[in-house]
Amino acid sequence: MAPREEVAYVTCTYRGTCIEQPDFLATVDLNPRSPTYGQVLHRLPVPNLKDELHSAGWAPACGCSDSGAAAKRTKLVLPGLISSRIYVVDVGGSPCRPPRICKMIEPVDVFWKCNKGYLAVTHALPNGDILIANMGDPAGNGKAFIADLVISPDDRFLFLCNWWHGDIRQYELLRGCKPRLVGQVRGQGHQ
């Protein structure tokens, strides 16, 4: 069994708050015996505005079931949803040591080398590679995120909640394998 976590790393964003400051990674004390339990120990601001740090993930060799050196989690990968910038943060060593950015991959590199944009969720793959799921390309095509998918109890309709566009779509399923859009309600979406 893995040891109890001493700290949590939390991505914090100012998007939609009218505060013009960079997003930051907060280190929160999780040790109930500590005098700083539940408090933010460190704030690591990223050097750019409007990144919108999203779902951080561990770099490879971080399996909780492993033991020894392979189980140490020393690098955290932070993708920027809006900027498509990637930060690699060194969190190794003592929980008392402030994290530091050890690598930054600029959006232009992500765009040209991968044809990806709107980076969302980071995954460490078993072969050592890192996969970062995306929600579109550099031109903004394909920006969508299905947050919920529900089939009606009578199997007649499929409902999709699209997080990015802020709408709920209703598709009729009675046409075989070609669902037909029969209703749509718009919300605010991701502005």
N, C-alpha and C. Protein backbone atom coordinates (compact mmCIF):
# COMPACT_ATOMS: atom_id res chain seq x y z
N MET A 1 0.85 -1.18 0.00
CA MET A 1 0.00 0.00 0.00
C MET A 1 0.89 1.24 0.00
N ALA A 2 0.50 2.21 -0.77
CA ALA A 2 1.27 3.45 -0.87
C ALA A 2 1.14 4.25 0.42
N PRO A 3 2.20 4.99 0.77
CA PRO A 3 2.11 5.83 1.97
C PRO A 3 1.12 6.97 1.77
N ARG A 4 0.62 7.48 2.88
CA ARG A 4 -0.33 8.59 2.85
C ARG A 4 0.32 9.83 2.24
N GLU A 5 -0.42 10.54 1.43
CA GLU A 5 0.08 11.76 0.80
C GLU A 5 0.30 12.83 1.87
N GLU A 6 1.42 13.52 1.77
CA GLU A 6 1.74 14.61 2.70
C GLU A 6 1.22 15.96 2.20
N VAL A 7 1.20 16.11 0.88
CA VAL A 7 0.74 17.37 0.27
C VAL A 7 -0.13 17.07 -0.94
N ALA A 8 -0.92 18.05 -1.34
CA ALA A 8 -1.70 17.99 -2.58
C ALA A 8 -1.26 19.16 -3.45
N TYR A 9 -1.19 18.91 -4.75
CA TYR A 9 -0.86 19.97 -5.69
C TYR A 9 -2.15 20.33 -6.42
N VAL A 10 -2.56 21.59 -6.31
CA VAL A 10 -3.85 22.04 -6.83
C VAL A 10 -3.62 23.14 -7.85
N THR A 11 -4.17 22.95 -9.07
CA THR A 11 -4.07 24.01 -10.08
C THR A 11 -5.13 25.06 -9.78
N CYS A 12 -4.72 26.31 -9.82
CA CYS A 12 -5.60 27.44 -9.50
C CYS A 12 -5.57 28.43 -10.66
N THR A 13 -6.74 28.79 -11.13
CA THR A 13 -6.83 29.68 -12.28
C THR A 13 -7.67 30.91 -11.94
N TYR A 14 -7.35 32.01 -12.60
CA TYR A 14 -8.09 33.25 -12.39
C TYR A 14 -9.07 33.53 -13.53
N ARG A 15 -9.24 32.60 -14.44
CA ARG A 15 -10.11 32.83 -15.60
C ARG A 15 -11.52 33.20 -15.15
N GLY A 16 -12.05 34.25 -15.75
CA GLY A 16 -13.41 34.68 -15.45
C GLY A 16 -13.54 35.47 -14.16
N THR A 17 -12.43 35.88 -13.54
CA THR A 17 -12.50 36.60 -12.27
C THR A 17 -12.15 38.07 -12.39
N CYS A 18 -11.74 38.52 -13.57
CA CYS A 18 -11.28 39.90 -13.80
C CYS A 18 -9.96 40.19 -13.09
N ILE A 19 -9.30 39.18 -12.57
CA ILE A 19 -7.98 39.35 -11.95
C ILE A 19 -6.93 39.04 -13.01
N GLU A 20 -6.09 40.00 -13.32
CA GLU A 20 -5.06 39.82 -14.35
C GLU A 20 -3.76 39.35 -13.71
N GLN A 21 -3.75 38.11 -13.26
CA GLN A 21 -2.55 37.51 -12.69
C GLN A 21 -2.39 36.12 -13.29
N PRO A 22 -1.16 35.60 -13.30
CA PRO A 22 -0.96 34.25 -13.82
C PRO A 22 -1.62 33.20 -12.93
N ASP A 23 -2.03 32.10 -13.54
CA ASP A 23 -2.50 30.95 -12.77
C ASP A 23 -1.36 30.46 -11.90
N PHE A 24 -1.67 29.61 -10.91
CA PHE A 24 -0.60 29.10 -10.06
C PHE A 24 -0.89 27.68 -9.61
N LEU A 25 0.17 27.02 -9.18
CA LEU A 25 0.07 25.69 -8.59
C LEU A 25 0.22 25.87 -7.09
N ALA A 26 -0.79 25.46 -6.34
CA ALA A 26 -0.75 25.58 -4.88
C ALA A 26 -0.34 24.23 -4.28
N THR A 27 0.53 24.27 -3.29
CA THR A 27 0.90 23.09 -2.52
C THR A 27 0.16 23.17 -1.20
N VAL A 28 -0.70 22.19 -0.93
CA VAL A 28 -1.55 22.21 0.27
C VAL A 28 -1.09 21.11 1.22
N ASP A 29 -0.94 21.45 2.49
CA ASP A 29 -0.52 20.51 3.53
C ASP A 29 -1.66 19.55 3.86
N LEU A 30 -1.41 18.24 3.73
CA LEU A 30 -2.42 17.22 4.02
C LEU A 30 -2.14 16.43 5.29
N ASN A 31 -1.11 16.81 6.02
CA ASN A 31 -0.74 16.07 7.23
C ASN A 31 -1.57 16.59 8.41
N PRO A 32 -2.49 15.76 8.95
CA PRO A 32 -3.35 16.24 10.04
C PRO A 32 -2.59 16.57 11.32
N ARG A 33 -1.36 16.10 11.45
CA ARG A 33 -0.56 16.40 12.64
C ARG A 33 0.27 17.68 12.49
N SER A 34 0.24 18.25 11.32
CA SER A 34 1.05 19.44 11.04
C SER A 34 0.35 20.71 11.52
N PRO A 35 1.10 21.70 12.00
CA PRO A 35 0.49 22.97 12.40
C PRO A 35 -0.06 23.76 11.21
N THR A 36 0.37 23.39 9.99
CA THR A 36 -0.12 24.08 8.79
C THR A 36 -1.11 23.22 8.01
N TYR A 37 -1.70 22.23 8.68
CA TYR A 37 -2.65 21.31 8.04
C TYR A 37 -3.77 22.09 7.33
N GLY A 38 -4.01 21.74 6.07
CA GLY A 38 -5.08 22.37 5.30
C GLY A 38 -4.72 23.73 4.73
N GLN A 39 -3.51 24.19 4.97
CA GLN A 39 -3.10 25.50 4.47
C GLN A 39 -2.23 25.37 3.22
N VAL A 40 -2.19 26.45 2.46
CA VAL A 40 -1.32 26.50 1.28
C VAL A 40 0.10 26.76 1.75
N LEU A 41 1.00 25.83 1.41
CA LEU A 41 2.40 25.98 1.79
C LEU A 41 3.18 26.82 0.79
N HIS A 42 2.89 26.60 -0.49
CA HIS A 42 3.61 27.30 -1.56
C HIS A 42 2.63 27.64 -2.68
N ARG A 43 2.93 28.73 -3.37
CA ARG A 43 2.23 29.10 -4.60
C ARG A 43 3.30 29.26 -5.67
N LEU A 44 3.15 28.51 -6.76
CA LEU A 44 4.07 28.62 -7.89
C LEU A 44 3.32 29.26 -9.05
N PRO A 45 3.48 30.57 -9.24
CA PRO A 45 2.81 31.20 -10.38
C PRO A 45 3.52 30.81 -11.68
N VAL A 46 2.74 30.59 -12.74
CA VAL A 46 3.35 30.34 -14.04
C VAL A 46 3.69 31.70 -14.64
N PRO A 47 4.64 31.77 -15.58
CA PRO A 47 5.10 33.08 -16.06
C PRO A 47 4.20 33.77 -17.08
N ASN A 48 3.10 33.13 -17.48
CA ASN A 48 2.25 33.72 -18.52
C ASN A 48 0.82 33.90 -18.02
N LEU A 49 0.13 34.86 -18.61
CA LEU A 49 -1.28 35.10 -18.28
C LEU A 49 -2.19 34.21 -19.13
N LYS A 50 -3.36 33.91 -18.59
CA LYS A 50 -4.46 33.26 -19.31
C LYS A 50 -4.10 31.89 -19.88
N ASP A 51 -3.32 31.11 -19.14
CA ASP A 51 -3.05 29.73 -19.55
C ASP A 51 -4.25 28.84 -19.29
N GLU A 52 -4.93 29.06 -18.19
CA GLU A 52 -5.96 28.20 -17.62
C GLU A 52 -5.42 26.79 -17.43
N LEU A 53 -4.61 26.65 -16.38
CA LEU A 53 -4.07 25.34 -16.03
C LEU A 53 -5.22 24.37 -15.85
N HIS A 54 -5.07 23.18 -16.40
CA HIS A 54 -6.18 22.23 -16.38
C HIS A 54 -5.80 21.01 -15.58
N SER A 55 -6.13 19.83 -16.04
CA SER A 55 -5.94 18.60 -15.27
C SER A 55 -4.48 18.16 -15.27
N ALA A 56 -3.81 18.42 -14.17
CA ALA A 56 -2.40 18.06 -14.04
C ALA A 56 -2.26 16.55 -13.94
N GLY A 57 -1.11 16.06 -14.36
CA GLY A 57 -0.84 14.63 -14.27
C GLY A 57 0.63 14.39 -13.99
N TRP A 58 0.92 13.21 -13.49
CA TRP A 58 2.30 12.86 -13.16
C TRP A 58 3.04 12.40 -14.40
N ALA A 59 4.33 12.70 -14.44
CA ALA A 59 5.20 12.21 -15.50
C ALA A 59 5.40 10.71 -15.31
N PRO A 60 5.98 10.01 -16.29
CA PRO A 60 6.14 8.55 -16.19
C PRO A 60 6.91 8.11 -14.95
N ALA A 61 6.86 6.80 -14.70
CA ALA A 61 7.52 6.16 -13.56
C ALA A 61 6.91 6.59 -12.24
N CYS A 62 5.59 6.72 -12.23
CA CYS A 62 4.92 7.18 -11.02
C CYS A 62 3.86 6.20 -10.53
N GLY A 63 3.93 4.96 -10.93
CA GLY A 63 2.89 4.00 -10.55
C GLY A 63 2.83 3.80 -9.05
N CYS A 64 1.65 3.93 -8.50
CA CYS A 64 1.48 3.75 -7.06
C CYS A 64 1.75 2.32 -6.63
N SER A 65 1.56 1.35 -7.54
CA SER A 65 1.77 -0.05 -7.16
C SER A 65 3.24 -0.42 -7.17
N ASP A 66 4.07 0.41 -7.78
CA ASP A 66 5.51 0.13 -7.79
C ASP A 66 6.11 0.47 -6.43
N SER A 67 7.30 -0.03 -6.21
CA SER A 67 8.00 0.34 -4.99
C SER A 67 9.36 0.88 -5.36
N GLY A 68 10.00 1.53 -4.44
CA GLY A 68 11.34 2.06 -4.68
C GLY A 68 11.32 3.31 -5.52
N ALA A 69 12.41 3.49 -6.29
CA ALA A 69 12.61 4.72 -7.05
C ALA A 69 11.52 4.95 -8.10
N ALA A 70 11.00 3.87 -8.68
CA ALA A 70 9.99 4.03 -9.73
C ALA A 70 8.70 4.65 -9.20
N ALA A 71 8.44 4.51 -7.90
CA ALA A 71 7.19 5.02 -7.33
C ALA A 71 7.27 6.49 -6.96
N LYS A 72 8.45 7.08 -7.01
CA LYS A 72 8.59 8.49 -6.64
C LYS A 72 7.98 9.38 -7.70
N ARG A 73 7.19 10.30 -7.25
CA ARG A 73 6.57 11.25 -8.16
C ARG A 73 7.31 12.57 -8.03
N THR A 74 8.09 12.90 -9.03
CA THR A 74 8.91 14.11 -8.94
C THR A 74 8.56 15.16 -9.98
N LYS A 75 7.85 14.79 -11.04
CA LYS A 75 7.52 15.75 -12.09
C LYS A 75 6.01 15.76 -12.31
N LEU A 76 5.46 16.96 -12.31
CA LEU A 76 4.04 17.15 -12.54
C LEU A 76 3.89 17.89 -13.87
N VAL A 77 3.01 17.40 -14.75
CA VAL A 77 2.80 18.00 -16.06
C VAL A 77 1.51 18.82 -16.00
N LEU A 78 1.63 20.12 -16.32
CA LEU A 78 0.49 21.05 -16.25
C LEU A 78 0.16 21.56 -17.65
N PRO A 79 -0.92 21.09 -18.28
CA PRO A 79 -1.30 21.64 -19.58
C PRO A 79 -2.17 22.89 -19.41
N GLY A 80 -2.02 23.83 -20.33
CA GLY A 80 -2.86 25.02 -20.34
C GLY A 80 -4.00 24.83 -21.33
N LEU A 81 -5.23 24.84 -20.84
CA LEU A 81 -6.39 24.60 -21.69
C LEU A 81 -6.54 25.68 -22.75
N ILE A 82 -6.40 26.93 -22.39
CA ILE A 82 -6.61 28.03 -23.32
C ILE A 82 -5.35 28.33 -24.12
N SER A 83 -4.19 28.34 -23.48
CA SER A 83 -2.95 28.70 -24.17
C SER A 83 -2.33 27.55 -24.94
N SER A 84 -2.62 26.31 -24.58
CA SER A 84 -1.97 25.11 -25.13
C SER A 84 -0.49 25.07 -24.79
N ARG A 85 -0.11 25.75 -23.75
CA ARG A 85 1.27 25.72 -23.24
C ARG A 85 1.37 24.58 -22.24
N ILE A 86 2.55 23.96 -22.13
CA ILE A 86 2.76 22.86 -21.18
C ILE A 86 3.88 23.25 -20.24
N TYR A 87 3.63 23.10 -18.95
CA TYR A 87 4.65 23.31 -17.93
C TYR A 87 4.98 21.96 -17.29
N VAL A 88 6.27 21.70 -17.09
CA VAL A 88 6.71 20.54 -16.33
C VAL A 88 7.28 21.09 -15.03
N VAL A 89 6.73 20.64 -13.92
CA VAL A 89 7.09 21.18 -12.60
C VAL A 89 7.80 20.11 -11.79
N ASP A 90 8.95 20.47 -11.26
CA ASP A 90 9.71 19.58 -10.37
C ASP A 90 9.16 19.74 -8.96
N VAL A 91 8.57 18.66 -8.45
CA VAL A 91 8.02 18.68 -7.09
C VAL A 91 8.78 17.70 -6.19
N GLY A 92 9.91 17.19 -6.68
CA GLY A 92 10.67 16.17 -5.96
C GLY A 92 11.30 16.71 -4.68
N GLY A 93 11.68 15.78 -3.85
CA GLY A 93 12.31 16.17 -2.59
C GLY A 93 11.30 16.33 -1.49
N SER A 94 11.61 17.16 -0.56
CA SER A 94 10.78 17.37 0.63
C SER A 94 9.52 18.15 0.29
N PRO A 95 8.40 17.83 0.95
CA PRO A 95 7.19 18.63 0.76
C PRO A 95 7.39 20.09 1.19
N CYS A 96 8.42 20.33 1.98
CA CYS A 96 8.71 21.70 2.43
C CYS A 96 9.39 22.51 1.33
N ARG A 97 9.96 21.82 0.33
CA ARG A 97 10.66 22.52 -0.74
C ARG A 97 9.65 23.03 -1.77
N PRO A 98 9.72 24.29 -2.13
CA PRO A 98 8.77 24.83 -3.12
C PRO A 98 8.97 24.17 -4.49
N PRO A 99 7.89 23.85 -5.19
CA PRO A 99 8.01 23.34 -6.56
C PRO A 99 8.63 24.40 -7.47
N ARG A 100 9.20 23.95 -8.59
CA ARG A 100 9.77 24.90 -9.55
C ARG A 100 9.51 24.40 -10.97
N ILE A 101 9.34 25.32 -11.88
CA ILE A 101 9.15 24.96 -13.28
C ILE A 101 10.51 24.56 -13.84
N CYS A 102 10.60 23.34 -14.39
CA CYS A 102 11.88 22.89 -14.94
C CYS A 102 11.85 22.84 -16.46
N LYS A 103 10.66 22.92 -17.06
CA LYS A 103 10.56 22.93 -18.52
C LYS A 103 9.24 23.58 -18.92
N MET A 104 9.29 24.30 -20.03
CA MET A 104 8.08 24.93 -20.57
C MET A 104 8.05 24.66 -22.07
N ILE A 105 6.94 24.13 -22.56
CA ILE A 105 6.78 23.88 -23.99
C ILE A 105 5.76 24.89 -24.50
N GLU A 106 6.21 25.71 -25.43
CA GLU A 106 5.38 26.81 -25.94
C GLU A 106 4.30 26.30 -26.89
N PRO A 107 3.18 27.03 -26.97
CA PRO A 107 2.07 26.62 -27.83
C PRO A 107 2.48 26.39 -29.29
N VAL A 108 3.37 27.22 -29.81
CA VAL A 108 3.76 27.07 -31.22
C VAL A 108 4.37 25.70 -31.47
N ASP A 109 5.11 25.17 -30.50
CA ASP A 109 5.68 23.83 -30.66
C ASP A 109 4.59 22.76 -30.64
N VAL A 110 3.61 22.94 -29.78
CA VAL A 110 2.49 21.99 -29.72
C VAL A 110 1.70 22.06 -31.03
N PHE A 111 1.46 23.28 -31.53
CA PHE A 111 0.69 23.45 -32.76
C PHE A 111 1.41 22.81 -33.95
N TRP A 112 2.68 23.18 -34.16
CA TRP A 112 3.41 22.75 -35.35
C TRP A 112 3.80 21.28 -35.31
N LYS A 113 4.22 20.80 -34.17
CA LYS A 113 4.70 19.41 -34.08
C LYS A 113 3.58 18.41 -33.93
N CYS A 114 2.48 18.81 -33.32
CA CYS A 114 1.41 17.85 -33.00
C CYS A 114 0.07 18.19 -33.64
N ASN A 115 -0.08 19.41 -34.16
CA ASN A 115 -1.36 19.89 -34.69
C ASN A 115 -2.47 19.75 -33.65
N LYS A 116 -2.14 20.07 -32.41
CA LYS A 116 -3.10 19.97 -31.30
C LYS A 116 -3.25 21.33 -30.63
N GLY A 117 -4.38 21.51 -29.98
CA GLY A 117 -4.64 22.71 -29.21
C GLY A 117 -5.65 22.41 -28.11
N TYR A 118 -5.82 23.34 -27.21
CA TYR A 118 -6.79 23.22 -26.11
C TYR A 118 -6.52 21.96 -25.30
N LEU A 119 -5.34 21.93 -24.69
CA LEU A 119 -4.87 20.75 -23.96
C LEU A 119 -5.64 20.58 -22.66
N ALA A 120 -6.04 19.33 -22.37
CA ALA A 120 -6.95 19.12 -21.25
C ALA A 120 -6.41 18.20 -20.16
N VAL A 121 -6.23 16.93 -20.44
CA VAL A 121 -5.95 15.94 -19.40
C VAL A 121 -4.66 15.20 -19.70
N THR A 122 -3.81 15.05 -18.68
CA THR A 122 -2.51 14.40 -18.82
C THR A 122 -2.57 12.96 -18.32
N HIS A 123 -1.95 12.06 -19.09
CA HIS A 123 -1.88 10.64 -18.71
C HIS A 123 -0.45 10.15 -18.87
N ALA A 124 0.09 9.45 -17.88
CA ALA A 124 1.39 8.78 -18.01
C ALA A 124 1.10 7.37 -18.51
N LEU A 125 1.67 7.02 -19.66
CA LEU A 125 1.43 5.71 -20.26
C LEU A 125 2.43 4.69 -19.74
N PRO A 126 2.08 3.40 -19.76
CA PRO A 126 2.98 2.37 -19.23
C PRO A 126 4.34 2.31 -19.91
N ASN A 127 4.41 2.72 -21.19
CA ASN A 127 5.69 2.66 -21.90
C ASN A 127 6.60 3.86 -21.60
N GLY A 128 6.15 4.78 -20.75
CA GLY A 128 6.96 5.93 -20.38
C GLY A 128 6.60 7.21 -21.11
N ASP A 129 5.77 7.12 -22.15
CA ASP A 129 5.33 8.32 -22.86
C ASP A 129 4.27 9.05 -22.04
N ILE A 130 4.07 10.31 -22.39
CA ILE A 130 3.02 11.11 -21.77
C ILE A 130 2.00 11.44 -22.84
N LEU A 131 0.74 11.21 -22.54
CA LEU A 131 -0.35 11.53 -23.45
C LEU A 131 -1.13 12.69 -22.84
N ILE A 132 -1.33 13.75 -23.64
CA ILE A 132 -2.15 14.87 -23.18
C ILE A 132 -3.34 14.95 -24.13
N ALA A 133 -4.52 14.69 -23.59
CA ALA A 133 -5.74 14.77 -24.39
C ALA A 133 -6.01 16.23 -24.73
N ASN A 134 -6.57 16.45 -25.91
CA ASN A 134 -6.86 17.81 -26.33
C ASN A 134 -8.30 17.91 -26.80
N MET A 135 -8.77 19.16 -26.92
CA MET A 135 -10.16 19.39 -27.30
C MET A 135 -10.29 20.14 -28.62
N GLY A 136 -9.21 20.23 -29.41
CA GLY A 136 -9.30 20.91 -30.68
C GLY A 136 -7.94 21.03 -31.34
N ASP A 137 -7.94 21.70 -32.50
CA ASP A 137 -6.68 21.93 -33.19
C ASP A 137 -6.29 23.41 -33.04
N PRO A 138 -5.12 23.80 -33.55
CA PRO A 138 -4.67 25.19 -33.36
C PRO A 138 -5.62 26.24 -33.95
N ALA A 139 -6.40 25.86 -34.97
CA ALA A 139 -7.32 26.80 -35.60
C ALA A 139 -8.65 26.90 -34.85
N GLY A 140 -8.81 26.11 -33.80
CA GLY A 140 -10.04 26.15 -33.03
C GLY A 140 -11.09 25.17 -33.52
N ASN A 141 -10.76 24.34 -34.50
CA ASN A 141 -11.70 23.33 -34.98
C ASN A 141 -11.83 22.20 -33.97
N GLY A 142 -13.03 21.70 -33.86
CA GLY A 142 -13.25 20.55 -32.99
C GLY A 142 -13.33 20.88 -31.52
N LYS A 143 -13.37 22.17 -31.17
CA LYS A 143 -13.47 22.51 -29.75
C LYS A 143 -14.81 22.06 -29.21
N ALA A 144 -14.77 21.01 -28.47
CA ALA A 144 -15.99 20.51 -27.87
C ALA A 144 -15.59 19.60 -26.73
N PHE A 145 -16.49 19.43 -25.83
CA PHE A 145 -16.22 18.55 -24.71
C PHE A 145 -17.56 18.03 -24.22
N ILE A 146 -17.79 16.75 -24.44
CA ILE A 146 -19.04 16.16 -24.00
C ILE A 146 -18.90 15.82 -22.53
N ALA A 147 -19.62 16.55 -21.71
CA ALA A 147 -19.53 16.35 -20.27
C ALA A 147 -20.49 15.27 -19.80
N ASP A 148 -21.62 15.15 -20.44
CA ASP A 148 -22.61 14.15 -20.04
C ASP A 148 -23.26 13.56 -21.28
N LEU A 149 -23.52 12.28 -21.23
CA LEU A 149 -24.22 11.58 -22.29
C LEU A 149 -25.27 10.70 -21.62
N VAL A 150 -26.53 10.90 -21.97
CA VAL A 150 -27.62 10.17 -21.34
C VAL A 150 -28.57 9.66 -22.42
N ILE A 151 -28.98 8.41 -22.28
CA ILE A 151 -30.01 7.84 -23.16
C ILE A 151 -31.31 7.81 -22.35
N SER A 152 -32.40 8.25 -22.97
CA SER A 152 -33.68 8.29 -22.27
C SER A 152 -34.10 6.88 -21.85
N PRO A 153 -34.91 6.77 -20.78
CA PRO A 153 -35.34 5.45 -20.29
C PRO A 153 -36.05 4.60 -21.34
N ASP A 154 -36.70 5.25 -22.31
CA ASP A 154 -37.40 4.48 -23.35
C ASP A 154 -36.52 4.23 -24.58
N ASP A 155 -35.23 4.58 -24.51
CA ASP A 155 -34.25 4.38 -25.59
C ASP A 155 -34.59 5.14 -26.88
N ARG A 156 -35.41 6.18 -26.78
CA ARG A 156 -35.79 6.94 -27.97
C ARG A 156 -34.87 8.12 -28.23
N PHE A 157 -34.25 8.68 -27.17
CA PHE A 157 -33.46 9.90 -27.33
C PHE A 157 -32.09 9.77 -26.67
N LEU A 158 -31.14 10.46 -27.26
CA LEU A 158 -29.79 10.58 -26.71
C LEU A 158 -29.60 12.06 -26.38
N PHE A 159 -29.17 12.36 -25.15
CA PHE A 159 -28.92 13.74 -24.74
C PHE A 159 -27.43 13.93 -24.52
N LEU A 160 -26.86 14.97 -25.12
CA LEU A 160 -25.45 15.30 -24.96
C LEU A 160 -25.34 16.69 -24.35
N CYS A 161 -24.53 16.81 -23.32
CA CYS A 161 -24.23 18.12 -22.74
C CYS A 161 -22.84 18.50 -23.21
N ASN A 162 -22.75 19.57 -24.00
CA ASN A 162 -21.48 20.01 -24.55
C ASN A 162 -20.94 21.14 -23.70
N TRP A 163 -19.90 20.86 -22.92
CA TRP A 163 -19.35 21.82 -21.97
C TRP A 163 -18.82 23.06 -22.66
N TRP A 164 -18.10 22.90 -23.76
CA TRP A 164 -17.46 24.05 -24.40
C TRP A 164 -18.48 25.02 -24.97
N HIS A 165 -19.45 24.50 -25.69
CA HIS A 165 -20.44 25.36 -26.33
C HIS A 165 -21.56 25.75 -25.39
N GLY A 166 -21.69 25.03 -24.29
CA GLY A 166 -22.71 25.37 -23.31
C GLY A 166 -24.12 25.03 -23.74
N ASP A 167 -24.26 23.91 -24.44
CA ASP A 167 -25.60 23.54 -24.87
C ASP A 167 -25.90 22.08 -24.53
N ILE A 168 -27.19 21.77 -24.58
CA ILE A 168 -27.65 20.39 -24.43
C ILE A 168 -28.36 20.04 -25.73
N ARG A 169 -27.95 18.93 -26.34
CA ARG A 169 -28.53 18.51 -27.61
C ARG A 169 -29.32 17.22 -27.43
N GLN A 170 -30.45 17.17 -28.10
CA GLN A 170 -31.31 15.99 -28.04
C GLN A 170 -31.35 15.35 -29.42
N TYR A 171 -30.96 14.08 -29.49
CA TYR A 171 -30.97 13.34 -30.75
C TYR A 171 -32.00 12.23 -30.69
N GLU A 172 -32.76 12.09 -31.76
CA GLU A 172 -33.73 11.00 -31.87
C GLU A 172 -32.99 9.74 -32.33
N LEU A 173 -33.23 8.62 -31.67
CA LEU A 173 -32.52 7.38 -31.98
C LEU A 173 -33.35 6.39 -32.80
N LEU A 174 -34.50 6.79 -33.28
CA LEU A 174 -35.40 5.86 -33.97
C LEU A 174 -35.02 5.65 -35.43
N ARG A 175 -33.97 6.25 -35.90
CA ARG A 175 -33.61 6.18 -37.31
C ARG A 175 -32.45 5.22 -37.55
N GLY A 176 -32.38 4.14 -36.82
CA GLY A 176 -31.30 3.18 -37.00
C GLY A 176 -29.98 3.73 -36.49
N CYS A 177 -28.99 3.75 -37.35
CA CYS A 177 -27.65 4.18 -36.91
C CYS A 177 -27.38 5.65 -37.22
N LYS A 178 -28.40 6.41 -37.62
CA LYS A 178 -28.20 7.82 -37.94
C LYS A 178 -29.06 8.68 -37.02
N PRO A 179 -28.56 9.00 -35.81
CA PRO A 179 -29.34 9.86 -34.91
C PRO A 179 -29.60 11.22 -35.56
N ARG A 180 -30.77 11.79 -35.28
CA ARG A 180 -31.16 13.08 -35.85
C ARG A 180 -31.34 14.09 -34.73
N LEU A 181 -30.72 15.27 -34.89
CA LEU A 181 -30.86 16.34 -33.91
C LEU A 181 -32.30 16.85 -33.95
N VAL A 182 -32.98 16.77 -32.80
CA VAL A 182 -34.38 17.21 -32.74
C VAL A 182 -34.60 18.32 -31.72
N GLY A 183 -33.59 18.62 -30.91
CA GLY A 183 -33.74 19.69 -29.93
C GLY A 183 -32.40 20.17 -29.42
N GLN A 184 -32.38 21.44 -29.04
CA GLN A 184 -31.13 22.02 -28.54
C GLN A 184 -31.46 23.20 -27.63
N VAL A 185 -30.82 23.23 -26.47
CA VAL A 185 -30.97 24.33 -25.53
C VAL A 185 -29.59 24.92 -25.33
N ARG A 186 -29.47 26.24 -25.49
CA ARG A 186 -28.16 26.88 -25.36
C ARG A 186 -28.00 27.52 -23.99
N GLY A 187 -26.79 27.41 -23.47
CA GLY A 187 -26.41 28.06 -22.22
C GLY A 187 -25.28 29.03 -22.50
N GLN A 188 -24.54 29.37 -21.48
CA GLN A 188 -23.46 30.34 -21.64
C GLN A 188 -22.23 29.73 -22.28
N GLY A 189 -21.85 28.52 -21.91
CA GLY A 189 -20.65 27.90 -22.46
C GLY A 189 -19.39 28.46 -21.83
N HIS A 190 -18.27 28.13 -22.43
CA HIS A 190 -16.95 28.52 -21.93
C HIS A 190 -16.54 29.80 -22.64
N GLN A 191 -16.71 30.92 -22.00
CA GLN A 191 -16.45 32.22 -22.64
C GLN A 191 -15.02 32.65 -22.48
